[in-house]
Structure formats: structure tokens, C-alpha cells
Amino acid sequence: MIYRLWGIAMHKVRMMPLMVAGLMVVANAGTASAALVGQSISTGIAALKEWNVVSFNNFTTSNHVGGRALVGGNLTINNGVMAMNGLGSGNSTYGTAAIAVVGNAAMNGNVNGAGVQVGGNLTGSFNNNGGGAVQVGGTAQNQPNFQNQITAGMGANFTNTLLSQANDIKASLTSLSANLAALSNTSDVVVGGDSNNQLITVTGTGLKVLNWSEAMFEGTSNQQLQVSIPSGATLVVNVAGTDIDFNRNFNTYANMSNVLFNFYQATTVDIMKQFSGSILGVNAAVTGGYAGNIDGTVVGNSVTQGANGEIHNVPFQGDLSSVGGSVVSTAPEPSTWAMLILGFGLVGLLMRRREKRVLMVQAA
């Protein structure tokens, strides 16, 4: 009997590493899952009001941009154009310059703003009319038209700081888009008009929501979109659909800085003509500048601006505080599920071995 008890005790000791391993795998899987939880949407709301363009990846521009730009990938300013005019913008609350680029920047044009920050390498020839500092993580090509000193070779810490800031804003804006998409229609938003004009009329104050299909938003090419909104209201238009093509005029109007179009499903958003309102397309390749300006904040997975339209500095100023500071949680990725299965499998194996051992002892 003593030998049996000693055997059971030693078996438990030998099984301890297996139990610990299983619990550690489960714990690590929980950590991986927690890392997928979205950021507070308050950061995203602030970003809409602070940047004229936010591109999670590359931004290519061939025309004038009126305010700050945050680029998570590479920036290309095409030759001979007045671009990236951040005059009067000053530094952001993150401390970034008027132009902040995580990757490389090929800049050919004019910069009228509070400096440039590039995490990678800087090439091209531009005029730094604003006189702000230019800081570069990597190398900087000689700038024959440059008026101020460039500080290059700032290193990995400088670049990683820009990357961290861009990732934080991306996560928050992605959460914000999902939270807005979950809102229901409000009764004081009415859509009317005829074959020539489509009118969205907002009454009252506070947050107003209109949920639209892709077809409703796109309308017809000869049907102009119009919005009437009082100063105390904020309008969010959630537009469903993956491939958005807007090819009708949307002229400027009072309080357009309080209107946000949330393309929460879109992978492409093509703005073919004048557009008045802010654009939130966190998963979309956003393209404009075909034959008209964009008056508002532009957020996209990537952004391309053609030569025939400017992006004016009309940042979103609506009040989204009633949406709250909630976050959007996402399901664990396949790798996380695999970790959970492995961890619980190890614990289960331990329990089965223990039951088998107990039965053997009882039978003896």
C-alpha cells in the first residue's frame, strides 16, 4: 500500500510540468487575444479633427493638400506641384510635424507648414517655405532648393516612435468606424429630392445617423447630392458596400465640417467629382482629385490624389462624444485558437492520465 501511495505521489510530481505547460499555453493564448482588442475611439475622434489626410499605408498626391498629413507607409509628392500646404497647422498633439511619414518620402513640390518628419529615407527636391524643421530617420538626399538644415540619421527610435503613433491612430479609427456602423437610423434625418437633386435634411441638434446602401449613396451621375444641417448637429452617414464610385457633384454647404461619411465595408472609394464632407474608409483605397476638390478629412487604408482636385483643410468638427469611449473586440485569430486548443489539450491529457492511474490503483 505504501508503494502504491508513493507511486501516485511521484506520478503527480512528474505530471506537474505538463500541467504547467498547458496552463502557460492557455495563458499565452489569452494574452494574444487581448492584444486584438481595439483602441479607445477617443484617439480616432481627435485624429479626425487634427489631420487633413490620414493614410494607413501609402499616400500619393499630385495637387494641393491644405492641412496636416499622417502617412503610415510611403509618401510621394509628384513633380512640380504645390503640395502639402500645412501652413498654420503647427505640430499635432503627438508632437509630429505637419507632414509625418513612417516610411520613405519622395517629395517634389512646396511645403508650407510646420516641418517634416520621415521615418525612412527622404528624396526629391522641394521648397520648405514654412521654415519648419526636417527630421529624417534614414538618409536624406541633398536638397538644392532647401532653405533650412535637415537632420538625417535620427535612427530606429525616431522611426519606431512614428510607427507607434501611426498604429495607435489606425487602431482607434478602425474601432471608431465599427462603432459608428453599429448605430441605428435617427428619425430626424430625411432624404428627399428628385432626379436632379438628392437632399439630406437634418433637423434638431446632437448626433444624427443615416444608414445608406451603396446604390443610394452613388445615385446617378446627373443627380447632385445636397445636405442641409444646422450648426448644433452632427451627421454620420454609414455607407454599405465594398466598391464605392461617386460620380456626381456634392457642392459645399454650411456646417459641412460636421458631416462624416463612414465607408465601413469598402475596399475602394473613388471620388470622381467635388465632395464636401469627411471620409472615413479604414479598409479602403481612397482615390480623389479626378475632377473636383474634397473638402474634409480623408482617412483611408491608402490615399491617392490626382492632379485635378485639391484636398482642402476642412477637418471634421462634429461631436461624437455620445458614441462613448467603447472599444471593438475582435475574435481570436486562427493562431490564437490553435494555442487555446493545445493548452486545453495538454490539461485534458493530464486529467485522463490521472483518472487512468486512479482506476489502476483501485483495481489493485
Protein backbone atom coordinates (compact mmCIF):
# COMPACT_ATOMS: atom_id res chain seq x y z
CA MET A 1 0.00 0.00 0.00
CA ILE A 2 2.85 2.36 0.86
CA TYR A 3 4.47 1.70 -2.51
CA ARG A 4 1.19 2.43 -4.28
CA LEU A 5 0.82 5.80 -2.48
CA TRP A 6 4.45 6.64 -3.24
CA GLY A 7 3.86 5.80 -6.91
CA ILE A 8 0.80 8.04 -7.07
CA ALA A 9 2.71 10.93 -5.47
CA MET A 10 5.63 10.57 -7.83
CA HIS A 11 3.26 10.37 -10.81
CA LYS A 12 1.70 13.70 -9.76
CA VAL A 13 5.14 15.27 -9.48
CA ARG A 14 6.07 14.01 -12.95
CA MET A 15 2.81 15.37 -14.37
CA MET A 16 3.30 18.87 -12.91
CA PRO A 17 5.41 20.16 -15.85
CA LEU A 18 2.71 19.01 -18.27
CA MET A 19 0.02 20.84 -16.31
CA VAL A 20 2.14 23.98 -16.06
CA ALA A 21 2.88 23.82 -19.79
CA GLY A 22 -0.81 23.50 -20.62
CA LEU A 23 -1.81 26.39 -18.35
CA MET A 24 1.00 28.55 -19.76
CA VAL A 25 -0.19 27.92 -23.32
CA VAL A 26 -3.75 28.86 -22.35
CA ALA A 27 -2.48 31.99 -20.59
CA ASN A 28 -0.37 32.99 -23.57
CA ALA A 29 -3.34 32.46 -25.88
CA GLY A 30 -5.38 34.80 -23.67
CA THR A 31 -2.65 37.40 -23.95
CA ALA A 32 -2.65 37.15 -27.74
CA SER A 33 -6.41 37.53 -27.80
CA ALA A 34 -6.29 40.60 -25.55
CA ALA A 35 -3.84 42.25 -27.92
CA LEU A 36 -6.52 42.17 -30.62
CA VAL A 37 -8.88 44.43 -28.69
CA GLY A 38 -9.29 47.80 -30.43
CA GLN A 39 -8.05 51.09 -29.06
CA SER A 40 -10.27 53.66 -27.38
CA ILE A 41 -12.23 55.55 -30.04
CA SER A 42 -11.38 58.89 -28.42
CA THR A 43 -7.99 58.84 -30.16
CA GLY A 44 -9.69 58.33 -33.52
CA ILE A 45 -12.16 61.16 -32.91
CA ALA A 46 -9.27 63.51 -32.14
CA ALA A 47 -7.39 62.35 -35.25
CA LEU A 48 -10.34 63.25 -37.49
CA LYS A 49 -10.10 66.81 -36.21
CA GLU A 50 -6.34 67.11 -36.32
CA TRP A 51 -5.24 65.70 -39.68
CA ASN A 52 -6.40 66.61 -43.16
CA VAL A 53 -5.20 63.26 -44.54
CA VAL A 54 -4.55 60.01 -42.67
CA SER A 55 -3.31 57.15 -44.82
CA PHE A 56 -2.54 53.90 -43.01
CA ASN A 57 -0.27 52.89 -45.89
CA ASN A 58 0.93 54.90 -48.91
CA PHE A 59 -0.19 58.40 -49.89
CA THR A 60 0.43 59.74 -53.39
CA THR A 61 -0.52 63.33 -54.18
CA SER A 62 -0.37 65.40 -57.35
CA ASN A 63 -2.07 68.51 -56.03
CA HIS A 64 -2.57 70.80 -53.07
CA VAL A 65 -3.30 69.49 -49.56
CA GLY A 66 -4.42 72.12 -47.09
CA GLY A 67 -3.57 70.61 -43.70
CA ARG A 68 -1.54 68.02 -41.84
CA ALA A 69 -0.87 64.58 -43.28
CA LEU A 70 -0.06 61.37 -41.40
CA VAL A 71 1.27 58.57 -43.63
CA GLY A 72 1.82 55.06 -42.28
CA GLY A 73 3.64 53.92 -45.43
CA ASN A 74 5.43 55.93 -48.12
CA LEU A 75 4.66 59.46 -49.29
CA THR A 76 5.04 60.56 -52.92
CA ILE A 77 4.58 64.20 -53.91
CA ASN A 78 4.70 64.37 -57.69
CA ASN A 79 6.93 66.78 -59.59
CA GLY A 80 6.20 70.48 -59.92
CA VAL A 81 3.02 70.78 -57.84
CA MET A 82 2.11 72.90 -54.86
CA ALA A 83 1.56 70.16 -52.30
CA MET A 84 1.19 69.50 -48.59
CA ASN A 85 0.41 73.06 -47.56
CA GLY A 86 0.25 72.77 -43.79
CA LEU A 87 0.65 76.49 -43.16
CA GLY A 88 -0.64 77.42 -39.75
CA SER A 89 -1.20 73.82 -38.75
CA GLY A 90 1.58 73.65 -36.18
CA ASN A 91 2.59 70.41 -34.52
CA SER A 92 0.00 67.80 -33.67
CA THR A 93 -0.86 66.75 -30.12
CA TYR A 94 1.50 63.83 -30.71
CA GLY A 95 4.28 66.32 -31.39
CA THR A 96 4.50 65.33 -35.05
CA ALA A 97 5.20 67.86 -37.78
CA ALA A 98 2.73 68.96 -40.46
CA ILE A 99 3.91 66.04 -42.56
CA ALA A 100 4.64 62.81 -40.66
CA VAL A 101 5.70 59.76 -42.69
CA VAL A 102 6.60 56.37 -41.23
CA GLY A 103 8.21 55.05 -44.43
CA ASN A 104 10.08 56.83 -47.22
CA ALA A 105 9.21 60.21 -48.73
CA ALA A 106 9.82 61.30 -52.31
CA MET A 107 8.94 64.99 -52.22
CA ASN A 108 8.89 67.29 -55.26
CA GLY A 109 6.93 70.47 -54.62
CA ASN A 110 6.46 73.02 -51.87
CA VAL A 111 5.93 72.57 -48.14
CA ASN A 112 4.33 75.49 -46.34
CA GLY A 113 3.98 74.14 -42.86
CA ALA A 114 5.39 73.21 -39.50
CA GLY A 115 8.11 70.89 -40.71
CA VAL A 116 8.53 67.35 -41.98
CA GLN A 117 9.25 64.07 -40.21
CA VAL A 118 10.24 60.99 -42.23
CA GLY A 119 10.96 57.66 -40.59
CA GLY A 120 12.70 56.19 -43.62
CA ASN A 121 14.66 57.96 -46.38
CA LEU A 122 13.97 61.37 -47.93
CA THR A 123 14.46 62.02 -51.64
CA GLY A 124 13.36 64.65 -54.14
CA SER A 125 13.66 68.42 -54.35
CA PHE A 126 11.23 70.69 -52.53
CA ASN A 127 10.94 74.18 -51.12
CA ASN A 128 10.47 74.31 -47.37
CA ASN A 129 8.58 77.61 -47.40
CA GLY A 130 7.25 77.20 -43.88
CA GLY A 131 10.74 77.03 -42.41
CA GLY A 132 9.96 74.13 -40.09
CA ALA A 133 12.48 71.51 -39.08
CA VAL A 134 13.00 68.46 -41.28
CA GLN A 135 13.87 65.28 -39.37
CA VAL A 136 14.74 62.02 -41.10
CA GLY A 137 15.27 58.60 -39.58
CA GLY A 138 17.36 57.35 -42.51
CA THR A 139 19.20 59.18 -45.26
CA ALA A 140 18.34 62.49 -46.90
CA GLN A 141 19.16 63.37 -50.49
CA ASN A 142 20.73 66.79 -50.99
CA GLN A 143 18.00 69.43 -51.37
CA PRO A 144 19.17 72.20 -53.75
CA ASN A 145 16.14 74.40 -53.06
CA PHE A 146 16.06 73.77 -49.35
CA GLN A 147 16.15 76.74 -47.01
CA ASN A 148 16.79 75.04 -43.67
CA GLN A 149 19.03 72.42 -42.15
CA ILE A 150 17.98 68.78 -42.48
CA THR A 151 18.66 66.45 -39.58
CA ALA A 152 19.14 62.96 -41.02
CA GLY A 153 20.16 59.63 -39.50
CA MET A 154 17.98 60.01 -36.42
CA GLY A 155 17.79 56.24 -36.14
CA ALA A 156 15.42 53.45 -35.20
CA ASN A 157 13.98 55.04 -32.06
CA PHE A 158 12.78 58.04 -34.05
CA THR A 159 11.24 55.81 -36.73
CA ASN A 160 9.64 53.45 -34.22
CA THR A 161 8.02 56.36 -32.40
CA LEU A 162 6.35 57.48 -35.63
CA LEU A 163 5.28 53.89 -36.30
CA SER A 164 3.79 53.51 -32.83
CA GLN A 165 1.83 56.75 -33.17
CA ALA A 166 0.50 55.75 -36.59
CA ASN A 167 -0.52 52.28 -35.36
CA ASP A 168 -2.30 53.78 -32.36
CA ILE A 169 -4.33 56.10 -34.57
CA LYS A 170 -5.08 53.32 -37.07
CA ALA A 171 -6.40 51.00 -34.36
CA SER A 172 -8.55 53.75 -32.86
CA LEU A 173 -10.03 54.89 -36.18
CA THR A 174 -10.80 51.27 -37.08
CA SER A 175 -12.65 50.83 -33.80
CA LEU A 176 -14.46 54.13 -34.32
CA SER A 177 -15.63 53.08 -37.80
CA ALA A 178 -17.05 49.82 -36.44
CA ASN A 179 -18.79 51.60 -33.55
CA LEU A 180 -20.38 54.13 -35.90
CA ALA A 181 -21.52 51.38 -38.28
CA ALA A 182 -23.46 49.77 -35.42
CA LEU A 183 -25.62 52.88 -34.88
CA SER A 184 -29.27 52.91 -35.93
CA ASN A 185 -31.01 55.50 -38.09
CA THR A 186 -32.35 58.57 -36.34
CA SER A 187 -35.81 59.84 -37.27
CA ASP A 188 -34.77 63.47 -37.80
CA VAL A 189 -32.76 62.72 -40.96
CA VAL A 190 -34.94 62.82 -44.07
CA VAL A 191 -33.91 62.03 -47.64
CA GLY A 192 -35.83 63.70 -50.45
CA GLY A 193 -35.37 65.35 -53.83
CA ASP A 194 -35.83 64.38 -57.45
CA SER A 195 -33.86 63.05 -60.42
CA ASN A 196 -31.66 66.16 -60.45
CA ASN A 197 -31.10 66.75 -56.74
CA GLN A 198 -30.96 64.41 -53.77
CA LEU A 199 -31.33 66.25 -50.47
CA ILE A 200 -30.46 65.04 -46.97
CA THR A 201 -32.23 67.26 -44.42
CA VAL A 202 -31.22 67.17 -40.77
CA THR A 203 -33.28 68.78 -38.01
CA GLY A 204 -32.54 69.23 -34.34
CA THR A 205 -29.22 69.02 -32.54
CA GLY A 206 -26.90 66.27 -31.42
CA LEU A 207 -25.75 63.12 -33.23
CA LYS A 208 -27.80 62.09 -36.29
CA VAL A 209 -27.34 58.87 -38.25
CA LEU A 210 -28.28 57.80 -41.77
CA ASN A 211 -27.57 54.24 -42.93
CA TRP A 212 -27.36 54.02 -46.72
CA SER A 213 -26.74 51.36 -49.31
CA GLU A 214 -24.05 51.75 -51.95
CA ALA A 215 -26.70 52.44 -54.60
CA MET A 216 -28.34 55.20 -52.55
CA PHE A 217 -25.02 56.92 -51.99
CA GLU A 218 -23.83 56.67 -55.57
CA GLY A 219 -27.12 57.87 -57.07
CA THR A 220 -26.87 58.83 -60.74
CA SER A 221 -24.26 60.95 -62.49
CA ASN A 222 -26.67 63.82 -63.14
CA GLN A 223 -28.12 63.83 -59.63
CA GLN A 224 -26.41 66.30 -57.32
CA LEU A 225 -26.13 65.45 -53.63
CA GLN A 226 -27.08 68.19 -51.17
CA VAL A 227 -27.08 68.36 -47.36
CA SER A 228 -28.90 70.75 -45.04
CA ILE A 229 -27.68 70.54 -41.44
CA PRO A 230 -27.96 73.01 -38.52
CA SER A 231 -24.87 74.11 -36.63
CA GLY A 232 -25.69 72.14 -33.49
CA ALA A 233 -25.98 68.77 -35.25
CA THR A 234 -23.50 66.08 -36.32
CA LEU A 235 -24.39 63.77 -39.18
CA VAL A 236 -22.85 60.32 -39.68
CA VAL A 237 -23.73 58.61 -42.95
CA ASN A 238 -22.86 54.90 -42.82
CA VAL A 239 -22.45 53.67 -46.39
CA ALA A 240 -22.55 49.91 -47.02
CA GLY A 241 -20.79 48.29 -49.97
CA THR A 242 -17.27 47.30 -50.90
CA ASP A 243 -16.68 49.15 -54.21
CA ILE A 244 -17.79 52.79 -54.00
CA ASP A 245 -17.83 55.01 -57.10
CA PHE A 246 -19.08 58.56 -56.50
CA ASN A 247 -19.54 60.35 -59.83
CA ARG A 248 -21.88 63.25 -59.08
CA ASN A 249 -21.34 66.72 -57.68
CA PHE A 250 -21.56 67.36 -53.96
CA ASN A 251 -21.03 71.09 -53.57
CA THR A 252 -20.05 72.95 -50.41
CA TYR A 253 -22.69 73.90 -47.83
CA ALA A 254 -22.97 75.36 -44.33
CA ASN A 255 -21.65 73.20 -41.48
CA MET A 256 -20.13 70.59 -43.81
CA SER A 257 -17.35 70.08 -41.23
CA ASN A 258 -19.97 68.34 -39.05
CA VAL A 259 -20.66 65.60 -41.61
CA LEU A 260 -18.80 62.27 -41.74
CA PHE A 261 -19.24 59.50 -44.32
CA ASN A 262 -18.24 56.13 -42.88
CA PHE A 263 -17.41 53.59 -45.60
CA TYR A 264 -17.09 50.76 -43.12
CA GLN A 265 -17.19 47.90 -45.65
CA ALA A 266 -15.40 49.50 -48.58
CA THR A 267 -12.14 48.30 -50.06
CA THR A 268 -12.21 51.00 -52.78
CA VAL A 269 -13.68 54.51 -52.62
CA ASP A 270 -13.38 56.54 -55.84
CA ILE A 271 -14.42 60.19 -55.57
CA MET A 272 -14.76 61.34 -59.17
CA LYS A 273 -16.05 64.91 -58.61
CA GLN A 274 -16.42 67.60 -55.93
CA PHE A 275 -17.08 66.12 -52.48
CA SER A 276 -17.99 68.06 -49.32
CA GLY A 277 -17.66 66.14 -46.05
CA SER A 278 -15.16 63.96 -44.24
CA ILE A 279 -14.32 60.45 -45.46
CA LEU A 280 -13.65 57.51 -43.14
CA GLY A 281 -12.57 54.45 -45.15
CA VAL A 282 -10.34 52.45 -42.84
CA ASN A 283 -10.12 49.43 -45.17
CA ALA A 284 -10.32 51.31 -48.47
CA ALA A 285 -8.04 52.55 -51.18
CA VAL A 286 -9.41 56.11 -51.36
CA THR A 287 -8.89 57.98 -54.63
CA GLY A 288 -9.86 61.54 -55.49
CA GLY A 289 -8.71 64.53 -57.49
CA TYR A 290 -10.24 63.44 -60.79
CA ALA A 291 -12.42 66.49 -61.47
CA GLY A 292 -13.12 68.27 -58.20
CA ASN A 293 -11.95 69.01 -54.68
CA ILE A 294 -12.52 67.18 -51.43
CA ASP A 295 -13.50 69.46 -48.54
CA GLY A 296 -12.95 67.45 -45.39
CA THR A 297 -10.75 64.99 -43.54
CA VAL A 298 -9.74 61.98 -45.65
CA VAL A 299 -8.91 58.67 -43.92
CA GLY A 300 -8.05 55.58 -45.92
CA ASN A 301 -6.02 52.40 -45.90
CA SER A 302 -4.24 54.15 -48.77
CA VAL A 303 -4.91 57.53 -50.38
CA THR A 304 -4.24 58.71 -53.94
CA GLN A 305 -4.90 62.29 -55.05
CA GLY A 306 -4.97 63.17 -58.73
CA ALA A 307 -3.89 66.40 -60.37
CA ASN A 308 -7.38 67.81 -60.95
CA GLY A 309 -8.60 68.26 -57.40
CA GLU A 310 -7.34 69.63 -54.08
CA ILE A 311 -7.91 68.33 -50.56
CA HIS A 312 -8.96 71.36 -48.56
CA ASN A 313 -8.28 71.77 -44.87
CA VAL A 314 -11.85 71.42 -43.61
CA PRO A 315 -11.27 68.95 -40.75
CA PHE A 316 -14.17 67.13 -39.16
CA GLN A 317 -15.57 69.14 -36.24
CA GLY A 318 -18.65 67.12 -35.31
CA ASP A 319 -19.47 65.93 -31.82
CA LEU A 320 -19.16 62.15 -31.46
CA SER A 321 -18.91 62.17 -27.67
CA SER A 322 -22.28 60.43 -27.30
CA VAL A 323 -20.82 57.38 -29.07
CA GLY A 324 -18.79 56.84 -25.90
CA GLY A 325 -15.29 55.60 -25.33
CA SER A 326 -16.06 51.96 -26.07
CA VAL A 327 -13.80 49.63 -27.98
CA VAL A 328 -14.47 46.93 -30.52
CA SER A 329 -13.17 43.47 -29.62
CA THR A 330 -12.27 41.05 -32.37
CA ALA A 331 -12.34 37.25 -32.26
CA PRO A 332 -9.02 35.45 -31.74
CA GLU A 333 -7.05 34.74 -34.90
CA PRO A 334 -6.52 31.12 -36.05
CA SER A 335 -3.10 31.04 -34.40
CA THR A 336 -4.69 32.05 -31.10
CA TRP A 337 -7.32 29.33 -31.39
CA ALA A 338 -4.52 26.84 -32.02
CA MET A 339 -2.80 27.92 -28.81
CA LEU A 340 -6.03 27.55 -26.84
CA ILE A 341 -6.68 24.08 -28.26
CA LEU A 342 -3.12 22.98 -27.50
CA GLY A 343 -3.27 24.30 -23.96
CA PHE A 344 -6.59 22.72 -23.09
CA GLY A 345 -5.44 19.52 -24.82
CA LEU A 346 -2.43 19.26 -22.51
CA VAL A 347 -4.58 19.83 -19.44
CA GLY A 348 -7.10 17.27 -20.71
CA LEU A 349 -4.32 14.72 -21.29
CA LEU A 350 -3.20 15.20 -17.71
CA MET A 351 -6.71 14.62 -16.38
CA ARG A 352 -7.16 11.44 -18.45
CA ARG A 353 -3.85 10.03 -17.24
CA ARG A 354 -4.79 10.82 -13.68
CA GLU A 355 -8.17 9.06 -13.98
CA LYS A 356 -6.49 6.01 -15.55
CA ARG A 357 -3.97 5.88 -12.68
CA VAL A 358 -6.71 6.09 -10.06
CA LEU A 359 -8.63 3.24 -11.70
CA MET A 360 -5.50 1.06 -11.77
CA VAL A 361 -4.84 1.69 -8.07
CA GLN A 362 -8.44 0.90 -7.16
CA ALA A 363 -8.34 -2.31 -9.19
CA ALA A 364 -5.15 -3.38 -7.39
